[in-house]
Amino acid sequence: MTQEHSETGGRGSDRATVLVVEDDPTINQAVTDRLVSEGFTVVQAFDGPGAVETHGEQHIDLVVLDVMLPGFDGLEVCRRIQAERPVPVLMLTARDDETDVLVGLGVGADDYLTKPFRMREVVARVRALLRRVDRARELAAALPGPLTVGEIVIDRGAHRVVVAGDPVHLTPLEFDLLLALADEPGTVRGRDHLMREVWGWADAGGTRTLDSHVKALRAKIGAHRVRTVHGVGYALDAGGRSR
């Protein structure tokens, strides 16, 4: 079962449609009410099958997705909707377990929040993800052809990556993170810089989102290619770059 909610004259929204998937009616309604008050159109789903069906039937701009759901879990929901039509996903998890987070990022989630969370944090994450999508679309249209960094070839227009001759599937956010690191290979990119450029956040405080995405990126392109400089940030070490 799904329900749609919207409010005319909301603040600061381009009328993006958000699918809220949460089996707890109280939490689902609380998130829905806050997003509607901020000017979003919100569609609700309460289980895995309902979420996938709704995503297939309506134009959804972003999904707020709980991990634990009846029918099948949020990870399977994420796999299915990303295979059908990629869309930004903010996952909600009751556990701050790094393995769970990495699995979620690996199946296509862009960001995550651990319960209990503040509603203003949900709104901030939703807005940041939507801004990132708009910014990535504009950059892709303006950038030239493929970028080569050592054995990594990044096709910015087609959002495709090849590493040592093999295609690698990256989530949209992993792709943007790789591009940010590839802008100056070998140069350490500070955490705050990466959070601003990739996520659109003012700073990196209070979140492990960046670290989790770097780990997910390393697992796909090779851990040796992304160097950590503790207390500073990360660098892409791929043996040089050509354009």
C-alpha atoms as a PDB file:
ATOM      1  CA  MET A   1       0.000   0.000   0.000  1.00  0.00           C
ATOM      2  CA  THR A   2       1.257   3.473  -0.854  1.00  0.00           C
ATOM      3  CA  GLN A   3       0.013   6.948  -0.059  1.00  0.00           C
ATOM      4  CA  GLU A   4       0.932  10.320  -1.572  1.00  0.00           C
ATOM      5  CA  HIS A   5       1.201  13.592   0.300  1.00  0.00           C
ATOM      6  CA  SER A   6       2.030  17.080  -0.883  1.00  0.00           C
ATOM      7  CA  GLU A   7       1.597  20.671   0.197  1.00  0.00           C
ATOM      8  CA  THR A   8       1.252  23.752  -1.982  1.00  0.00           C
ATOM      9  CA  GLY A   9       3.695  26.558  -1.363  1.00  0.00           C
ATOM     10  CA  GLY A  10       6.361  24.600   0.468  1.00  0.00           C
ATOM     11  CA  ARG A  11       9.697  26.198   1.254  1.00  0.00           C
ATOM     12  CA  GLY A  12      12.837  25.798  -0.818  1.00  0.00           C
ATOM     13  CA  SER A  13      11.819  22.840  -2.957  1.00  0.00           C
ATOM     14  CA  ASP A  14      11.523  22.330  -6.682  1.00  0.00           C
ATOM     15  CA  ARG A  15       8.670  19.909  -5.966  1.00  0.00           C
ATOM     16  CA  ALA A  16      10.905  16.851  -5.943  1.00  0.00           C
ATOM     17  CA  THR A  17       9.043  13.635  -5.161  1.00  0.00           C
ATOM     18  CA  VAL A  18      10.452  11.569  -2.286  1.00  0.00           C
ATOM     19  CA  LEU A  19       9.487   7.956  -1.602  1.00  0.00           C
ATOM     20  CA  VAL A  20       9.579   7.210   2.136  1.00  0.00           C
ATOM     21  CA  VAL A  21       9.862   3.472   2.834  1.00  0.00           C
ATOM     22  CA  GLU A  22       9.475   2.580   6.517  1.00  0.00           C
ATOM     23  CA  ASP A  23       7.315  -0.128   8.065  1.00  0.00           C
ATOM     24  CA  ASP A  24       6.851   1.708  11.371  1.00  0.00           C
ATOM     25  CA  PRO A  25       3.784   3.907  10.730  1.00  0.00           C
ATOM     26  CA  THR A  26       4.807   6.481  13.329  1.00  0.00           C
ATOM     27  CA  ILE A  27       8.293   7.012  11.907  1.00  0.00           C
ATOM     28  CA  ASN A  28       7.023   6.926   8.335  1.00  0.00           C
ATOM     29  CA  GLN A  29       4.417   9.585   9.064  1.00  0.00           C
ATOM     30  CA  ALA A  30       6.859  11.762  11.014  1.00  0.00           C
ATOM     31  CA  VAL A  31       9.373  11.764   8.140  1.00  0.00           C
ATOM     32  CA  THR A  32       6.573  12.329   5.634  1.00  0.00           C
ATOM     33  CA  ASP A  33       5.082  15.242   7.557  1.00  0.00           C
ATOM     34  CA  ARG A  34       8.453  16.974   7.885  1.00  0.00           C
ATOM     35  CA  LEU A  35       9.335  16.573   4.198  1.00  0.00           C
ATOM     36  CA  VAL A  36       5.881  17.778   3.139  1.00  0.00           C
ATOM     37  CA  SER A  37       6.276  20.832   5.392  1.00  0.00           C
ATOM     38  CA  GLU A  38       9.554  21.552   3.579  1.00  0.00           C
ATOM     39  CA  GLY A  39       7.796  21.577   0.207  1.00  0.00           C
ATOM     40  CA  PHE A  40       8.386  18.060  -1.099  1.00  0.00           C
ATOM     41  CA  THR A  41       5.811  15.721  -2.554  1.00  0.00           C
ATOM     42  CA  VAL A  42       5.997  12.478  -0.565  1.00  0.00           C
ATOM     43  CA  VAL A  43       4.844   8.989  -1.452  1.00  0.00           C
ATOM     44  CA  GLN A  44       4.774   6.385   1.337  1.00  0.00           C
ATOM     45  CA  ALA A  45       5.456   2.651   1.214  1.00  0.00           C
ATOM     46  CA  PHE A  46       5.547   0.254   4.153  1.00  0.00           C
ATOM     47  CA  ASP A  47       7.200  -2.894   2.795  1.00  0.00           C
ATOM     48  CA  GLY A  48       9.753  -4.036   0.230  1.00  0.00           C
ATOM     49  CA  PRO A  49       7.420  -5.105  -2.592  1.00  0.00           C
ATOM     50  CA  GLY A  50       5.355  -1.919  -2.233  1.00  0.00           C
ATOM     51  CA  ALA A  51       8.481   0.222  -2.483  1.00  0.00           C
ATOM     52  CA  VAL A  52       9.683  -1.434  -5.697  1.00  0.00           C
ATOM     53  CA  GLU A  53       6.216  -1.269  -7.229  1.00  0.00           C
ATOM     54  CA  THR A  54       5.828   2.429  -6.392  1.00  0.00           C
ATOM     55  CA  HIS A  55       9.255   3.274  -7.798  1.00  0.00           C
ATOM     56  CA  GLY A  56       8.295   1.527 -11.028  1.00  0.00           C
ATOM     57  CA  GLU A  57       4.947   3.263 -11.357  1.00  0.00           C
ATOM     58  CA  GLN A  58       5.836   6.842 -10.391  1.00  0.00           C
ATOM     59  CA  HIS A  59       8.643   9.273 -11.125  1.00  0.00           C
ATOM     60  CA  ILE A  60      10.567   9.233  -7.854  1.00  0.00           C
ATOM     61  CA  ASP A  61      13.431  11.691  -7.397  1.00  0.00           C
ATOM     62  CA  LEU A  62      14.822  10.273  -4.148  1.00  0.00           C
ATOM     63  CA  VAL A  63      14.148   7.380  -1.759  1.00  0.00           C
ATOM     64  CA  VAL A  64      14.385   7.442   2.041  1.00  0.00           C
ATOM     65  CA  LEU A  65      14.708   3.727   2.754  1.00  0.00           C
ATOM     66  CA  ASP A  66      14.673   1.735   5.985  1.00  0.00           C
ATOM     67  CA  VAL A  67      16.876  -1.377   6.000  1.00  0.00           C
ATOM     68  CA  MET A  68      14.514  -3.645   7.972  1.00  0.00           C
ATOM     69  CA  LEU A  69      11.273  -4.162   6.047  1.00  0.00           C
ATOM     70  CA  PRO A  70       8.647  -6.893   5.653  1.00  0.00           C
ATOM     71  CA  GLY A  71       8.438  -8.727   2.339  1.00  0.00           C
ATOM     72  CA  PHE A  72      12.120  -8.222   1.572  1.00  0.00           C
ATOM     73  CA  ASP A  73      14.605  -5.872   3.174  1.00  0.00           C
ATOM     74  CA  GLY A  74      15.819  -2.440   2.161  1.00  0.00           C
ATOM     75  CA  LEU A  75      19.017  -3.811   0.645  1.00  0.00           C
ATOM     76  CA  GLU A  76      16.995  -5.860  -1.840  1.00  0.00           C
ATOM     77  CA  VAL A  77      14.756  -2.857  -2.506  1.00  0.00           C
ATOM     78  CA  CYS A  78      17.847  -0.795  -3.275  1.00  0.00           C
ATOM     79  CA  ARG A  79      19.259  -3.448  -5.613  1.00  0.00           C
ATOM     80  CA  ARG A  80      16.014  -3.678  -7.567  1.00  0.00           C
ATOM     81  CA  ILE A  81      15.292   0.019  -7.955  1.00  0.00           C
ATOM     82  CA  GLN A  82      18.884   0.844  -8.926  1.00  0.00           C
ATOM     83  CA  ALA A  83      18.788  -1.878 -11.578  1.00  0.00           C
ATOM     84  CA  GLU A  84      15.527  -0.457 -12.946  1.00  0.00           C
ATOM     85  CA  ARG A  85      16.219   3.284 -12.807  1.00  0.00           C
ATOM     86  CA  PRO A  86      19.018   4.728 -10.649  1.00  0.00           C
ATOM     87  CA  VAL A  87      17.827   7.197  -8.035  1.00  0.00           C
ATOM     88  CA  PRO A  88      19.495   8.730  -4.948  1.00  0.00           C
ATOM     89  CA  VAL A  89      18.870   6.601  -1.834  1.00  0.00           C
ATOM     90  CA  LEU A  90      19.193   7.673   1.808  1.00  0.00           C
ATOM     91  CA  MET A  91      19.194   4.531   3.957  1.00  0.00           C
ATOM     92  CA  LEU A  92      17.935   4.431   7.531  1.00  0.00           C
ATOM     93  CA  THR A  93      19.505   1.820   9.762  1.00  0.00           C
ATOM     94  CA  ALA A  94      18.944   0.874  13.388  1.00  0.00           C
ATOM     95  CA  ARG A  95      22.554  -0.312  13.656  1.00  0.00           C
ATOM     96  CA  ASP A  96      25.742   1.686  13.243  1.00  0.00           C
ATOM     97  CA  ASP A  97      27.568  -1.425  12.073  1.00  0.00           C
ATOM     98  CA  GLU A  98      30.226  -0.684   9.472  1.00  0.00           C
ATOM     99  CA  THR A  99      29.597  -3.929   7.600  1.00  0.00           C
ATOM    100  CA  ASP A 100      25.895  -3.137   7.242  1.00  0.00           C
ATOM    101  CA  VAL A 101      26.745   0.361   6.025  1.00  0.00           C
ATOM    102  CA  LEU A 102      29.228  -0.902   3.417  1.00  0.00           C
ATOM    103  CA  VAL A 103      26.720  -3.470   2.151  1.00  0.00           C
ATOM    104  CA  GLY A 104      24.139  -0.713   1.771  1.00  0.00           C
ATOM    105  CA  LEU A 105      26.555   1.515  -0.115  1.00  0.00           C
ATOM    106  CA  GLY A 106      27.578  -1.445  -2.248  1.00  0.00           C
ATOM    107  CA  VAL A 107      24.034  -2.044  -3.513  1.00  0.00           C
ATOM    108  CA  GLY A 108      23.553   1.570  -4.529  1.00  0.00           C
ATOM    109  CA  ALA A 109      22.706   3.669  -1.471  1.00  0.00           C
ATOM    110  CA  ASP A 110      24.195   7.162  -1.539  1.00  0.00           C
ATOM    111  CA  ASP A 111      24.079   8.012   2.148  1.00  0.00           C
ATOM    112  CA  TYR A 112      22.832   6.660   5.463  1.00  0.00           C
ATOM    113  CA  LEU A 113      21.483   7.784   8.818  1.00  0.00           C
ATOM    114  CA  THR A 114      21.503   5.757  12.020  1.00  0.00           C
ATOM    115  CA  LYS A 115      18.376   5.694  14.191  1.00  0.00           C
ATOM    116  CA  PRO A 116      17.445   7.611  16.223  1.00  0.00           C
ATOM    117  CA  PHE A 117      17.881  10.624  13.943  1.00  0.00           C
ATOM    118  CA  ARG A 118      16.739  14.233  13.946  1.00  0.00           C
ATOM    119  CA  MET A 119      14.218  15.248  11.318  1.00  0.00           C
ATOM    120  CA  ARG A 120      16.247  18.289  10.340  1.00  0.00           C
ATOM    121  CA  GLU A 121      19.149  15.949   9.560  1.00  0.00           C
ATOM    122  CA  VAL A 122      16.907  13.921   7.234  1.00  0.00           C
ATOM    123  CA  VAL A 123      15.900  17.116   5.414  1.00  0.00           C
ATOM    124  CA  ALA A 124      19.517  18.280   5.161  1.00  0.00           C
ATOM    125  CA  ARG A 125      20.648  14.947   3.704  1.00  0.00           C
ATOM    126  CA  VAL A 126      17.756  14.868   1.226  1.00  0.00           C
ATOM    127  CA  ARG A 127      18.500  18.388   0.006  1.00  0.00           C
ATOM    128  CA  ALA A 128      22.229  17.651  -0.283  1.00  0.00           C
ATOM    129  CA  LEU A 129      21.623  14.509  -2.344  1.00  0.00           C
ATOM    130  CA  LEU A 130      19.248  16.321  -4.709  1.00  0.00           C
ATOM    131  CA  ARG A 131      21.739  19.186  -5.140  1.00  0.00           C
ATOM    132  CA  ARG A 132      24.477  16.665  -5.926  1.00  0.00           C
ATOM    133  CA  VAL A 133      22.369  15.047  -8.649  1.00  0.00           C
ATOM    134  CA  ASP A 134      21.679  18.431 -10.268  1.00  0.00           C
ATOM    135  CA  ARG A 135      25.340  19.437 -10.048  1.00  0.00           C
ATOM    136  CA  ALA A 136      26.544  16.123 -11.508  1.00  0.00           C
ATOM    137  CA  ARG A 137      24.138  16.456 -14.437  1.00  0.00           C
ATOM    138  CA  GLU A 138      25.390  19.966 -15.203  1.00  0.00           C
ATOM    139  CA  LEU A 139      29.049  18.943 -14.967  1.00  0.00           C
ATOM    140  CA  ALA A 140      28.569  15.909 -17.200  1.00  0.00           C
ATOM    141  CA  ALA A 141      27.079  18.113 -19.897  1.00  0.00           C
ATOM    142  CA  ALA A 142      29.952  20.603 -19.700  1.00  0.00           C
ATOM    143  CA  LEU A 143      32.957  18.288 -19.376  1.00  0.00           C
ATOM    144  CA  PRO A 144      35.038  16.948 -22.272  1.00  0.00           C
ATOM    145  CA  GLY A 145      35.737  13.294 -23.100  1.00  0.00           C
ATOM    146  CA  PRO A 146      37.117  10.459 -20.947  1.00  0.00           C
ATOM    147  CA  LEU A 147      39.654  11.104 -18.198  1.00  0.00           C
ATOM    148  CA  THR A 148      42.501   8.602 -17.810  1.00  0.00           C
ATOM    149  CA  VAL A 149      44.332   8.169 -14.505  1.00  0.00           C
ATOM    150  CA  GLY A 150      46.849   5.355 -14.757  1.00  0.00           C
ATOM    151  CA  GLU A 151      44.826   2.208 -15.418  1.00  0.00           C
ATOM    152  CA  ILE A 152      41.548   3.988 -14.641  1.00  0.00           C
ATOM    153  CA  VAL A 153      39.469   5.391 -17.504  1.00  0.00           C
ATOM    154  CA  ILE A 154      36.548   7.594 -16.463  1.00  0.00           C
ATOM    155  CA  ASP A 155      33.893   8.375 -19.068  1.00  0.00           C
ATOM    156  CA  ARG A 156      32.286  11.393 -17.486  1.00  0.00           C
ATOM    157  CA  GLY A 157      29.439  11.789 -19.952  1.00  0.00           C
ATOM    158  CA  ALA A 158      28.367   8.130 -19.857  1.00  0.00           C
ATOM    159  CA  HIS A 159      29.163   7.650 -16.141  1.00  0.00           C
ATOM    160  CA  ARG A 160      31.288   4.588 -16.931  1.00  0.00           C
ATOM    161  CA  VAL A 161      34.556   3.469 -15.345  1.00  0.00           C
ATOM    162  CA  VAL A 162      37.077   0.927 -16.606  1.00  0.00           C
ATOM    163  CA  VAL A 163      39.949  -0.271 -14.400  1.00  0.00           C
ATOM    164  CA  ALA A 164      42.814  -2.224 -15.992  1.00  0.00           C
ATOM    165  CA  GLY A 165      40.556  -3.048 -18.940  1.00  0.00           C
ATOM    166  CA  ASP A 166      37.621  -4.282 -16.867  1.00  0.00           C
ATOM    167  CA  PRO A 167      34.371  -2.312 -16.459  1.00  0.00           C
ATOM    168  CA  VAL A 168      33.584  -1.379 -12.856  1.00  0.00           C
ATOM    169  CA  HIS A 169      30.085  -0.520 -11.645  1.00  0.00           C
ATOM    170  CA  LEU A 170      30.099   2.497  -9.338  1.00  0.00           C
ATOM    171  CA  THR A 171      27.111   4.094  -7.670  1.00  0.00           C
ATOM    172  CA  PRO A 172      26.521   7.721  -8.725  1.00  0.00           C
ATOM    173  CA  LEU A 173      28.073   8.992  -5.511  1.00  0.00           C
ATOM    174  CA  GLU A 174      31.111   6.703  -5.799  1.00  0.00           C
ATOM    175  CA  PHE A 175      31.550   7.992  -9.351  1.00  0.00           C
ATOM    176  CA  ASP A 176      31.486  11.612  -8.149  1.00  0.00           C
ATOM    177  CA  LEU A 177      33.950  10.804  -5.359  1.00  0.00           C
ATOM    178  CA  LEU A 178      36.339   9.183  -7.847  1.00  0.00           C
ATOM    179  CA  LEU A 179      36.094  12.231 -10.107  1.00  0.00           C
ATOM    180  CA  ALA A 180      36.882  14.543  -7.200  1.00  0.00           C
ATOM    181  CA  LEU A 181      39.982  12.499  -6.344  1.00  0.00           C
ATOM    182  CA  ALA A 182      40.978  12.190 -10.022  1.00  0.00           C
ATOM    183  CA  ASP A 183      40.950  15.956 -10.484  1.00  0.00           C
ATOM    184  CA  GLU A 184      44.504  16.073  -9.069  1.00  0.00           C
ATOM    185  CA  PRO A 185      45.973  12.549  -8.834  1.00  0.00           C
ATOM    186  CA  GLY A 186      48.542  12.168  -6.079  1.00  0.00           C
ATOM    187  CA  THR A 187      47.336  15.341  -4.341  1.00  0.00           C
ATOM    188  CA  VAL A 188      45.693  14.911  -0.972  1.00  0.00           C
ATOM    189  CA  ARG A 189      42.108  16.124  -1.006  1.00  0.00           C
ATOM    190  CA  GLY A 190      40.968  17.270   2.417  1.00  0.00           C
ATOM    191  CA  ARG A 191      37.903  15.772   4.061  1.00  0.00           C
ATOM    192  CA  ASP A 192      36.047  19.095   4.155  1.00  0.00           C
ATOM    193  CA  HIS A 193      36.885  19.720   0.506  1.00  0.00           C
ATOM    194  CA  LEU A 194      35.525  16.320  -0.541  1.00  0.00           C
ATOM    195  CA  MET A 195      32.373  16.728   1.539  1.00  0.00           C
ATOM    196  CA  ARG A 196      31.704  20.117  -0.068  1.00  0.00           C
ATOM    197  CA  GLU A 197      32.489  19.000  -3.615  1.00  0.00           C
ATOM    198  CA  VAL A 198      30.767  15.605  -3.602  1.00  0.00           C
ATOM    199  CA  TRP A 199      28.004  15.950  -1.010  1.00  0.00           C
ATOM    200  CA  GLY A 200      27.520  19.710  -0.942  1.00  0.00           C
ATOM    201  CA  TRP A 201      28.002  19.823   2.835  1.00  0.00           C
ATOM    202  CA  ALA A 202      29.718  22.696   4.617  1.00  0.00           C
ATOM    203  CA  ASP A 203      31.962  20.364   6.644  1.00  0.00           C
ATOM    204  CA  ALA A 204      32.640  16.713   7.401  1.00  0.00           C
ATOM    205  CA  GLY A 205      31.935  16.866  11.118  1.00  0.00           C
ATOM    206  CA  GLY A 206      29.821  14.229  12.830  1.00  0.00           C
ATOM    207  CA  THR A 207      29.655  11.731   9.966  1.00  0.00           C
ATOM    208  CA  ARG A 208      31.524   8.671   8.715  1.00  0.00           C
ATOM    209  CA  THR A 209      29.839   8.904   5.347  1.00  0.00           C
ATOM    210  CA  LEU A 210      33.043   9.886   3.528  1.00  0.00           C
ATOM    211  CA  ASP A 211      35.101   7.097   5.124  1.00  0.00           C
ATOM    212  CA  SER A 212      32.456   4.503   4.283  1.00  0.00           C
ATOM    213  CA  HIS A 213      32.275   5.587   0.650  1.00  0.00           C
ATOM    214  CA  VAL A 214      36.058   5.563   0.324  1.00  0.00           C
ATOM    215  CA  LYS A 215      36.109   1.974   1.598  1.00  0.00           C
ATOM    216  CA  ALA A 216      33.411   0.999  -0.876  1.00  0.00           C
ATOM    217  CA  LEU A 217      35.323   2.716  -3.698  1.00  0.00           C
ATOM    218  CA  ARG A 218      38.555   0.968  -2.722  1.00  0.00           C
ATOM    219  CA  ALA A 219      36.837  -2.412  -2.842  1.00  0.00           C
ATOM    220  CA  LYS A 220      35.885  -1.744  -6.469  1.00  0.00           C
ATOM    221  CA  ILE A 221      38.932  -0.015  -7.976  1.00  0.00           C
ATOM    222  CA  GLY A 222      41.663  -1.507  -5.785  1.00  0.00           C
ATOM    223  CA  ALA A 223      42.575  -0.501  -2.250  1.00  0.00           C
ATOM    224  CA  HIS A 224      46.116   0.499  -3.262  1.00  0.00           C
ATOM    225  CA  ARG A 225      44.802   3.222  -5.541  1.00  0.00           C
ATOM    226  CA  VAL A 226      43.322   5.405  -2.775  1.00  0.00           C
ATOM    227  CA  ARG A 227      45.809   6.576  -0.158  1.00  0.00           C
ATOM    228  CA  THR A 228      44.774   7.757   3.302  1.00  0.00           C
ATOM    229  CA  VAL A 229      46.569  10.665   4.944  1.00  0.00           C
ATOM    230  CA  HIS A 230      45.375  10.450   8.532  1.00  0.00           C
ATOM    231  CA  GLY A 231      43.881  13.632   9.848  1.00  0.00           C
ATOM    232  CA  VAL A 232      43.909  15.248   6.411  1.00  0.00           C
ATOM    233  CA  GLY A 233      42.084  13.313   3.695  1.00  0.00           C
ATOM    234  CA  TYR A 234      42.597  11.038   0.690  1.00  0.00           C
ATOM    235  CA  ALA A 235      44.580  10.930  -2.546  1.00  0.00           C
ATOM    236  CA  LEU A 236      44.197   8.918  -5.744  1.00  0.00           C
ATOM    237  CA  ASP A 237      47.526   7.224  -6.491  1.00  0.00           C
ATOM    238  CA  ALA A 238      47.110   5.628  -9.895  1.00  0.00           C
ATOM    239  CA  GLY A 239      50.442   6.236 -11.593  1.00  0.00           C
ATOM    240  CA  GLY A 240      49.770   9.515 -13.332  1.00  0.00           C
ATOM    241  CA  ARG A 241      47.112  11.044 -15.537  1.00  0.00           C
ATOM    242  CA  SER A 242      46.530  11.946 -19.151  1.00  0.00           C
ATOM    243  CA  ARG A 243      43.583  13.708 -20.736  1.00  0.00           C
END
